[in-house]
Amino acid sequence: MSGESGDAAALWLEVRCERCREIIRTRVDTRYELRQDVENGQEVRVLDKDLLGTRCFALLHVHALLAPDLSVLSHQVTGGELVSLGRGS
């Protein structure tokens, strides 16, 4: 398995829980966790992911639309806020 910075199939997602303020960081495998769709005539990748931190039992849900180059077009986080989503380590 490749390391964080060398994994071409990975995006890194960070969200902050609105309840306990914990920052939850997780890997998104672009090969298996994104689905293709068309939004307003534009090809997009869709991410739907549920996250649970270690400080509280609040379940966070991330819904994001990504361009074919995997840049974020729009996002919504239920139960928290997006800190970052991208290839960074």
PDB file of N, CA and C in Angstrom:
ATOM      1  N   MET A   1       0.839  -1.176   0.000  1.00  0.00           N
ATOM      2  CA  MET A   1       0.000   0.000   0.000  1.00  0.00           C
ATOM      3  C   MET A   1       0.883   1.236   0.000  1.00  0.00           C
ATOM      4  N   SER A   2       0.548   2.206  -0.782  1.00  0.00           N
ATOM      5  CA  SER A   2       1.349   3.417  -0.906  1.00  0.00           C
ATOM      6  C   SER A   2       1.160   4.320   0.289  1.00  0.00           C
ATOM      7  N   GLY A   3       2.126   5.200   0.505  1.00  0.00           N
ATOM      8  CA  GLY A   3       2.025   6.199   1.557  1.00  0.00           C
ATOM      9  C   GLY A   3       1.071   7.303   1.168  1.00  0.00           C
ATOM     10  N   GLU A   4       0.764   8.172   2.112  1.00  0.00           N
ATOM     11  CA  GLU A   4      -0.215   9.230   1.897  1.00  0.00           C
ATOM     12  C   GLU A   4       0.093  10.091   0.693  1.00  0.00           C
ATOM     13  N   SER A   5       1.320  10.577   0.585  1.00  0.00           N
ATOM     14  CA  SER A   5       1.628  11.531  -0.473  1.00  0.00           C
ATOM     15  C   SER A   5       1.820  10.868  -1.833  1.00  0.00           C
ATOM     16  N   GLY A   6       2.053   9.538  -1.874  1.00  0.00           N
ATOM     17  CA  GLY A   6       2.327   8.882  -3.132  1.00  0.00           C
ATOM     18  C   GLY A   6       1.158   8.113  -3.717  1.00  0.00           C
ATOM     19  N   ASP A   7       0.004   8.171  -3.099  1.00  0.00           N
ATOM     20  CA  ASP A   7      -1.141   7.398  -3.553  1.00  0.00           C
ATOM     21  C   ASP A   7      -1.972   8.211  -4.528  1.00  0.00           C
ATOM     22  N   ALA A   8      -1.850   7.912  -5.824  1.00  0.00           N
ATOM     23  CA  ALA A   8      -2.538   8.682  -6.864  1.00  0.00           C
ATOM     24  C   ALA A   8      -4.048   8.506  -6.810  1.00  0.00           C
ATOM     25  N   ALA A   9      -4.533   7.437  -6.195  1.00  0.00           N
ATOM     26  CA  ALA A   9      -5.970   7.180  -6.140  1.00  0.00           C
ATOM     27  C   ALA A   9      -6.624   7.768  -4.894  1.00  0.00           C
ATOM     28  N   ALA A  10      -5.885   8.539  -4.105  1.00  0.00           N
ATOM     29  CA  ALA A  10      -6.422   9.023  -2.832  1.00  0.00           C
ATOM     30  C   ALA A  10      -6.688  10.520  -2.829  1.00  0.00           C
ATOM     31  N   LEU A  11      -7.803  10.867  -2.205  1.00  0.00           N
ATOM     32  CA  LEU A  11      -8.067  12.236  -1.768  1.00  0.00           C
ATOM     33  C   LEU A  11      -8.121  12.178  -0.250  1.00  0.00           C
ATOM     34  N   TRP A  12      -7.812  13.289   0.396  1.00  0.00           N
ATOM     35  CA  TRP A  12      -7.876  13.354   1.851  1.00  0.00           C
ATOM     36  C   TRP A  12      -8.971  14.322   2.241  1.00  0.00           C
ATOM     37  N   LEU A  13      -9.849  13.866   3.106  1.00  0.00           N
ATOM     38  CA  LEU A  13     -11.012  14.617   3.543  1.00  0.00           C
ATOM     39  C   LEU A  13     -10.859  14.945   5.020  1.00  0.00           C
ATOM     40  N   GLU A  14     -11.045  16.219   5.364  1.00  0.00           N
ATOM     41  CA  GLU A  14     -11.049  16.647   6.758  1.00  0.00           C
ATOM     42  C   GLU A  14     -12.320  17.437   7.020  1.00  0.00           C
ATOM     43  N   VAL A  15     -13.039  17.035   8.061  1.00  0.00           N
ATOM     44  CA  VAL A  15     -14.238  17.756   8.477  1.00  0.00           C
ATOM     45  C   VAL A  15     -14.156  18.021   9.974  1.00  0.00           C
ATOM     46  N   ARG A  16     -14.823  19.092  10.409  1.00  0.00           N
ATOM     47  CA  ARG A  16     -14.864  19.445  11.829  1.00  0.00           C
ATOM     48  C   ARG A  16     -16.276  19.187  12.342  1.00  0.00           C
ATOM     49  N   CYS A  17     -16.383  18.413  13.395  1.00  0.00           N
ATOM     50  CA  CYS A  17     -17.667  18.118  14.016  1.00  0.00           C
ATOM     51  C   CYS A  17     -18.204  19.382  14.679  1.00  0.00           C
ATOM     52  N   GLU A  18     -19.464  19.726  14.400  1.00  0.00           N
ATOM     53  CA  GLU A  18     -20.045  20.936  14.994  1.00  0.00           C
ATOM     54  C   GLU A  18     -20.356  20.750  16.477  1.00  0.00           C
ATOM     55  N   ARG A  19     -20.434  19.516  16.911  1.00  0.00           N
ATOM     56  CA  ARG A  19     -20.780  19.238  18.307  1.00  0.00           C
ATOM     57  C   ARG A  19     -19.564  19.306  19.229  1.00  0.00           C
ATOM     58  N   CYS A  20     -18.487  18.598  18.876  1.00  0.00           N
ATOM     59  CA  CYS A  20     -17.322  18.532  19.767  1.00  0.00           C
ATOM     60  C   CYS A  20     -16.093  19.233  19.202  1.00  0.00           C
ATOM     61  N   ARG A  21     -16.164  19.712  17.951  1.00  0.00           N
ATOM     62  CA  ARG A  21     -15.092  20.443  17.271  1.00  0.00           C
ATOM     63  C   ARG A  21     -13.908  19.562  16.866  1.00  0.00           C
ATOM     64  N   GLU A  22     -14.027  18.248  17.008  1.00  0.00           N
ATOM     65  CA  GLU A  22     -12.963  17.341  16.574  1.00  0.00           C
ATOM     66  C   GLU A  22     -12.804  17.432  15.061  1.00  0.00           C
ATOM     67  N   ILE A  23     -11.563  17.430  14.594  1.00  0.00           N
ATOM     68  CA  ILE A  23     -11.292  17.348  13.160  1.00  0.00           C
ATOM     69  C   ILE A  23     -11.064  15.879  12.821  1.00  0.00           C
ATOM     70  N   ILE A  24     -11.880  15.380  11.910  1.00  0.00           N
ATOM     71  CA  ILE A  24     -11.823  13.980  11.500  1.00  0.00           C
ATOM     72  C   ILE A  24     -11.201  13.933  10.112  1.00  0.00           C
ATOM     73  N   ARG A  25     -10.141  13.155   9.976  1.00  0.00           N
ATOM     74  CA  ARG A  25      -9.421  13.040   8.704  1.00  0.00           C
ATOM     75  C   ARG A  25      -9.551  11.617   8.198  1.00  0.00           C
ATOM     76  N   THR A  26      -9.886  11.486   6.920  1.00  0.00           N
ATOM     77  CA  THR A  26     -10.031  10.155   6.342  1.00  0.00           C
ATOM     78  C   THR A  26      -9.613  10.168   4.875  1.00  0.00           C
ATOM     79  N   ARG A  27      -9.299   9.009   4.382  1.00  0.00           N
ATOM     80  CA  ARG A  27      -8.891   8.825   2.990  1.00  0.00           C
ATOM     81  C   ARG A  27     -10.112   8.497   2.146  1.00  0.00           C
ATOM     82  N   VAL A  28     -10.158   9.055   0.947  1.00  0.00           N
ATOM     83  CA  VAL A  28     -11.200   8.746  -0.032  1.00  0.00           C
ATOM     84  C   VAL A  28     -10.511   8.067  -1.211  1.00  0.00           C
ATOM     85  N   ASP A  29     -10.888   6.842  -1.499  1.00  0.00           N
ATOM     86  CA  ASP A  29     -10.325   6.121  -2.642  1.00  0.00           C
ATOM     87  C   ASP A  29     -11.128   6.509  -3.879  1.00  0.00           C
ATOM     88  N   THR A  30     -10.516   7.240  -4.788  1.00  0.00           N
ATOM     89  CA  THR A  30     -11.223   7.768  -5.958  1.00  0.00           C
ATOM     90  C   THR A  30     -11.670   6.668  -6.918  1.00  0.00           C
ATOM     91  N   ARG A  31     -11.095   5.482  -6.801  1.00  0.00           N
ATOM     92  CA  ARG A  31     -11.489   4.383  -7.684  1.00  0.00           C
ATOM     93  C   ARG A  31     -12.816   3.763  -7.261  1.00  0.00           C
ATOM     94  N   TYR A  32     -13.113   3.787  -5.956  1.00  0.00           N
ATOM     95  CA  TYR A  32     -14.265   3.049  -5.445  1.00  0.00           C
ATOM     96  C   TYR A  32     -15.297   3.898  -4.702  1.00  0.00           C
ATOM     97  N   GLU A  33     -14.922   5.067  -4.213  1.00  0.00           N
ATOM     98  CA  GLU A  33     -15.834   5.845  -3.375  1.00  0.00           C
ATOM     99  C   GLU A  33     -16.501   7.014  -4.093  1.00  0.00           C
ATOM    100  N   LEU A  34     -16.189   7.227  -5.348  1.00  0.00           N
ATOM    101  CA  LEU A  34     -16.831   8.287  -6.121  1.00  0.00           C
ATOM    102  C   LEU A  34     -17.696   7.652  -7.193  1.00  0.00           C
ATOM    103  N   ARG A  35     -18.859   8.227  -7.424  1.00  0.00           N
ATOM    104  CA  ARG A  35     -19.686   7.750  -8.535  1.00  0.00           C
ATOM    105  C   ARG A  35     -19.787   8.850  -9.580  1.00  0.00           C
ATOM    106  N   GLN A  36     -19.919   8.448 -10.822  1.00  0.00           N
ATOM    107  CA  GLN A  36     -20.035   9.416 -11.920  1.00  0.00           C
ATOM    108  C   GLN A  36     -21.490   9.801 -12.101  1.00  0.00           C
ATOM    109  N   ASP A  37     -21.704  11.076 -12.432  1.00  0.00           N
ATOM    110  CA  ASP A  37     -23.051  11.589 -12.647  1.00  0.00           C
ATOM    111  C   ASP A  37     -22.960  12.779 -13.590  1.00  0.00           C
ATOM    112  N   VAL A  38     -24.106  13.291 -13.986  1.00  0.00           N
ATOM    113  CA  VAL A  38     -24.169  14.501 -14.807  1.00  0.00           C
ATOM    114  C   VAL A  38     -25.035  15.506 -14.062  1.00  0.00           C
ATOM    115  N   GLU A  39     -24.515  16.699 -13.850  1.00  0.00           N
ATOM    116  CA  GLU A  39     -25.208  17.768 -13.136  1.00  0.00           C
ATOM    117  C   GLU A  39     -25.226  18.992 -14.032  1.00  0.00           C
ATOM    118  N   ASN A  40     -26.414  19.446 -14.428  1.00  0.00           N
ATOM    119  CA  ASN A  40     -26.554  20.606 -15.321  1.00  0.00           C
ATOM    120  C   ASN A  40     -25.736  20.439 -16.605  1.00  0.00           C
ATOM    121  N   GLY A  41     -25.734  19.236 -17.158  1.00  0.00           N
ATOM    122  CA  GLY A  41     -25.016  18.964 -18.395  1.00  0.00           C
ATOM    123  C   GLY A  41     -23.517  18.801 -18.238  1.00  0.00           C
ATOM    124  N   GLN A  42     -23.025  18.840 -17.006  1.00  0.00           N
ATOM    125  CA  GLN A  42     -21.586  18.731 -16.741  1.00  0.00           C
ATOM    126  C   GLN A  42     -21.294  17.399 -16.049  1.00  0.00           C
ATOM    127  N   GLU A  43     -20.262  16.708 -16.519  1.00  0.00           N
ATOM    128  CA  GLU A  43     -19.851  15.460 -15.889  1.00  0.00           C
ATOM    129  C   GLU A  43     -19.233  15.773 -14.531  1.00  0.00           C
ATOM    130  N   VAL A  44     -19.687  15.063 -13.499  1.00  0.00           N
ATOM    131  CA  VAL A  44     -19.173  15.271 -12.145  1.00  0.00           C
ATOM    132  C   VAL A  44     -18.913  13.926 -11.483  1.00  0.00           C
ATOM    133  N   ARG A  45     -18.149  13.962 -10.420  1.00  0.00           N
ATOM    134  CA  ARG A  45     -17.955  12.818  -9.529  1.00  0.00           C
ATOM    135  C   ARG A  45     -18.673  13.181  -8.230  1.00  0.00           C
ATOM    136  N   VAL A  46     -19.375  12.220  -7.652  1.00  0.00           N
ATOM    137  CA  VAL A  46     -20.156  12.466  -6.443  1.00  0.00           C
ATOM    138  C   VAL A  46     -19.565  11.654  -5.295  1.00  0.00           C
ATOM    139  N   LEU A  47     -19.346  12.329  -4.178  1.00  0.00           N
ATOM    140  CA  LEU A  47     -18.868  11.681  -2.960  1.00  0.00           C
ATOM    141  C   LEU A  47     -19.965  11.767  -1.910  1.00  0.00           C
ATOM    142  N   ASP A  48     -20.356  10.632  -1.365  1.00  0.00           N
ATOM    143  CA  ASP A  48     -21.243  10.556  -0.209  1.00  0.00           C
ATOM    144  C   ASP A  48     -20.534   9.691   0.813  1.00  0.00           C
ATOM    145  N   LYS A  49     -20.223  10.276   1.963  1.00  0.00           N
ATOM    146  CA  LYS A  49     -19.442   9.536   2.954  1.00  0.00           C
ATOM    147  C   LYS A  49     -19.917   9.906   4.349  1.00  0.00           C
ATOM    148  N   ASP A  50     -20.072   8.902   5.206  1.00  0.00           N
ATOM    149  CA  ASP A  50     -20.421   9.110   6.606  1.00  0.00           C
ATOM    150  C   ASP A  50     -19.171   8.946   7.453  1.00  0.00           C
ATOM    151  N   LEU A  51     -19.047   9.810   8.457  1.00  0.00           N
ATOM    152  CA  LEU A  51     -17.873   9.785   9.330  1.00  0.00           C
ATOM    153  C   LEU A  51     -18.305   9.834  10.787  1.00  0.00           C
ATOM    154  N   LEU A  52     -17.543   9.173  11.638  1.00  0.00           N
ATOM    155  CA  LEU A  52     -17.771   9.182  13.068  1.00  0.00           C
ATOM    156  C   LEU A  52     -16.423   9.382  13.736  1.00  0.00           C
ATOM    157  N   GLY A  53     -16.329  10.395  14.570  1.00  0.00           N
ATOM    158  CA  GLY A  53     -15.073  10.673  15.251  1.00  0.00           C
ATOM    159  C   GLY A  53     -14.911   9.829  16.499  1.00  0.00           C
ATOM    160  N   THR A  54     -13.943  10.222  17.334  1.00  0.00           N
ATOM    161  CA  THR A  54     -13.676   9.482  18.562  1.00  0.00           C
ATOM    162  C   THR A  54     -14.106  10.237  19.812  1.00  0.00           C
ATOM    163  N   ARG A  55     -14.440  11.518  19.693  1.00  0.00           N
ATOM    164  CA  ARG A  55     -14.805  12.318  20.868  1.00  0.00           C
ATOM    165  C   ARG A  55     -16.282  12.273  21.218  1.00  0.00           C
ATOM    166  N   CYS A  56     -17.138  12.109  20.231  1.00  0.00           N
ATOM    167  CA  CYS A  56     -18.580  12.054  20.495  1.00  0.00           C
ATOM    168  C   CYS A  56     -19.221  11.096  19.496  1.00  0.00           C
ATOM    169  N   PHE A  57     -20.508  10.887  19.630  1.00  0.00           N
ATOM    170  CA  PHE A  57     -21.187   9.922  18.777  1.00  0.00           C
ATOM    171  C   PHE A  57     -21.986  10.583  17.664  1.00  0.00           C
ATOM    172  N   ALA A  58     -21.644  11.806  17.307  1.00  0.00           N
ATOM    173  CA  ALA A  58     -22.338  12.505  16.226  1.00  0.00           C
ATOM    174  C   ALA A  58     -21.869  11.950  14.878  1.00  0.00           C
ATOM    175  N   LEU A  59     -22.817  11.538  14.058  1.00  0.00           N
ATOM    176  CA  LEU A  59     -22.511  11.036  12.724  1.00  0.00           C
ATOM    177  C   LEU A  59     -22.521  12.202  11.748  1.00  0.00           C
ATOM    178  N   LEU A  60     -21.445  12.367  11.001  1.00  0.00           N
ATOM    179  CA  LEU A  60     -21.341  13.428  10.007  1.00  0.00           C
ATOM    180  C   LEU A  60     -21.524  12.813   8.629  1.00  0.00           C
ATOM    181  N   HIS A  61     -22.209  13.539   7.758  1.00  0.00           N
ATOM    182  CA  HIS A  61     -22.391  13.076   6.383  1.00  0.00           C
ATOM    183  C   HIS A  61     -21.841  14.135   5.438  1.00  0.00           C
ATOM    184  N   VAL A  62     -20.993  13.703   4.512  1.00  0.00           N
ATOM    185  CA  VAL A  62     -20.400  14.595   3.517  1.00  0.00           C
ATOM    186  C   VAL A  62     -20.987  14.248   2.155  1.00  0.00           C
ATOM    187  N   HIS A  63     -21.476  15.277   1.473  1.00  0.00           N
ATOM    188  CA  HIS A  63     -21.939  15.148   0.088  1.00  0.00           C
ATOM    189  C   HIS A  63     -21.175  16.200  -0.702  1.00  0.00           C
ATOM    190  N   ALA A  64     -20.419  15.773  -1.702  1.00  0.00           N
ATOM    191  CA  ALA A  64     -19.623  16.718  -2.491  1.00  0.00           C
ATOM    192  C   ALA A  64     -19.709  16.371  -3.966  1.00  0.00           C
ATOM    193  N   LEU A  65     -19.748  17.418  -4.786  1.00  0.00           N
ATOM    194  CA  LEU A  65     -19.658  17.269  -6.237  1.00  0.00           C
ATOM    195  C   LEU A  65     -18.267  17.707  -6.652  1.00  0.00           C
ATOM    196  N   LEU A  66     -17.585  16.852  -7.417  1.00  0.00           N
ATOM    197  CA  LEU A  66     -16.223  17.118  -7.853  1.00  0.00           C
ATOM    198  C   LEU A  66     -16.173  17.165  -9.373  1.00  0.00           C
ATOM    199  N   ALA A  67     -15.335  18.034  -9.897  1.00  0.00           N
ATOM    200  CA  ALA A  67     -15.092  18.113 -11.335  1.00  0.00           C
ATOM    201  C   ALA A  67     -14.271  16.889 -11.757  1.00  0.00           C
ATOM    202  N   PRO A  68     -14.178  16.618 -13.056  1.00  0.00           N
ATOM    203  CA  PRO A  68     -13.359  15.488 -13.513  1.00  0.00           C
ATOM    204  C   PRO A  68     -11.900  15.558 -13.037  1.00  0.00           C
ATOM    205  N   ASP A  69     -11.378  16.779 -12.802  1.00  0.00           N
ATOM    206  CA  ASP A  69     -10.014  16.909 -12.275  1.00  0.00           C
ATOM    207  C   ASP A  69      -9.979  16.786 -10.751  1.00  0.00           C
ATOM    208  N   LEU A  70     -11.131  16.461 -10.144  1.00  0.00           N
ATOM    209  CA  LEU A  70     -11.316  16.230  -8.713  1.00  0.00           C
ATOM    210  C   LEU A  70     -11.268  17.497  -7.861  1.00  0.00           C
ATOM    211  N   SER A  71     -11.397  18.660  -8.487  1.00  0.00           N
ATOM    212  CA  SER A  71     -11.558  19.886  -7.705  1.00  0.00           C
ATOM    213  C   SER A  71     -13.004  19.947  -7.207  1.00  0.00           C
ATOM    214  N   VAL A  72     -13.202  20.578  -6.055  1.00  0.00           N
ATOM    215  CA  VAL A  72     -14.517  20.632  -5.422  1.00  0.00           C
ATOM    216  C   VAL A  72     -15.388  21.680  -6.108  1.00  0.00           C
ATOM    217  N   LEU A  73     -16.543  21.254  -6.613  1.00  0.00           N
ATOM    218  CA  LEU A  73     -17.510  22.171  -7.217  1.00  0.00           C
ATOM    219  C   LEU A  73     -18.501  22.668  -6.172  1.00  0.00           C
ATOM    220  N   SER A  74     -18.967  21.773  -5.322  1.00  0.00           N
ATOM    221  CA  SER A  74     -19.865  22.138  -4.228  1.00  0.00           C
ATOM    222  C   SER A  74     -19.788  21.057  -3.161  1.00  0.00           C
ATOM    223  N   HIS A  75     -20.186  21.418  -1.952  1.00  0.00           N
ATOM    224  CA  HIS A  75     -20.162  20.445  -0.861  1.00  0.00           C
ATOM    225  C   HIS A  75     -21.198  20.811   0.192  1.00  0.00           C
ATOM    226  N   GLN A  76     -21.577  19.804   0.957  1.00  0.00           N
ATOM    227  CA  GLN A  76     -22.469  19.981   2.093  1.00  0.00           C
ATOM    228  C   GLN A  76     -22.045  18.972   3.148  1.00  0.00           C
ATOM    229  N   VAL A  77     -21.912  19.443   4.384  1.00  0.00           N
ATOM    230  CA  VAL A  77     -21.563  18.560   5.487  1.00  0.00           C
ATOM    231  C   VAL A  77     -22.679  18.659   6.521  1.00  0.00           C
ATOM    232  N   THR A  78     -23.354  17.570   6.765  1.00  0.00           N
ATOM    233  CA  THR A  78     -24.393  17.528   7.783  1.00  0.00           C
ATOM    234  C   THR A  78     -23.741  17.160   9.106  1.00  0.00           C
ATOM    235  N   GLY A  79     -23.872  18.034  10.096  1.00  0.00           N
ATOM    236  CA  GLY A  79     -23.287  17.791  11.407  1.00  0.00           C
ATOM    237  C   GLY A  79     -21.897  18.358  11.574  1.00  0.00           C
ATOM    238  N   GLY A  80     -21.434  19.120  10.600  1.00  0.00           N
ATOM    239  CA  GLY A  80     -20.092  19.680  10.709  1.00  0.00           C
ATOM    240  C   GLY A  80     -19.782  20.612   9.569  1.00  0.00           C
ATOM    241  N   GLU A  81     -18.495  20.867   9.382  1.00  0.00           N
ATOM    242  CA  GLU A  81     -18.054  21.743   8.301  1.00  0.00           C
ATOM    243  C   GLU A  81     -16.817  21.162   7.636  1.00  0.00           C
ATOM    244  N   LEU A  82     -16.685  21.441   6.350  1.00  0.00           N
ATOM    245  CA  LEU A  82     -15.534  20.973   5.588  1.00  0.00           C
ATOM    246  C   LEU A  82     -14.305  21.785   5.961  1.00  0.00           C
ATOM    247  N   VAL A  83     -13.225  21.103   6.288  1.00  0.00           N
ATOM    248  CA  VAL A  83     -11.936  21.751   6.530  1.00  0.00           C
ATOM    249  C   VAL A  83     -11.118  21.697   5.250  1.00  0.00           C
ATOM    250  N   SER A  84     -11.016  20.510   4.644  1.00  0.00           N
ATOM    251  CA  SER A  84     -10.294  20.382   3.376  1.00  0.00           C
ATOM    252  C   SER A  84     -10.696  19.090   2.672  1.00  0.00           C
ATOM    253  N   LEU A  85     -10.535  19.118   1.359  1.00  0.00           N
ATOM    254  CA  LEU A  85     -10.756  17.940   0.523  1.00  0.00           C
ATOM    255  C   LEU A  85      -9.842  18.083  -0.677  1.00  0.00           C
ATOM    256  N   GLY A  86      -8.862  17.203  -0.773  1.00  0.00           N
ATOM    257  CA  GLY A  86      -7.933  17.295  -1.888  1.00  0.00           C
ATOM    258  C   GLY A  86      -6.826  16.273  -1.772  1.00  0.00           C
ATOM    259  N   ARG A  87      -5.822  16.458  -2.598  1.00  0.00           N
ATOM    260  CA  ARG A  87      -4.714  15.499  -2.673  1.00  0.00           C
ATOM    261  C   ARG A  87      -3.636  15.740  -1.628  1.00  0.00           C
ATOM    262  N   GLY A  88      -3.728  16.811  -0.891  1.00  0.00           N
ATOM    263  CA  GLY A  88      -2.700  17.150   0.094  1.00  0.00           C
ATOM    264  C   GLY A  88      -2.456  16.059   1.104  1.00  0.00           C
ATOM    265  N   SER A  89      -1.272  16.113   1.703  1.00  0.00           N
ATOM    266  CA  SER A  89      -0.908  15.085   2.690  1.00  0.00           C
ATOM    267  C   SER A  89      -1.247  15.505   4.085  1.00  0.00           C
TER     268      SER A  89
END
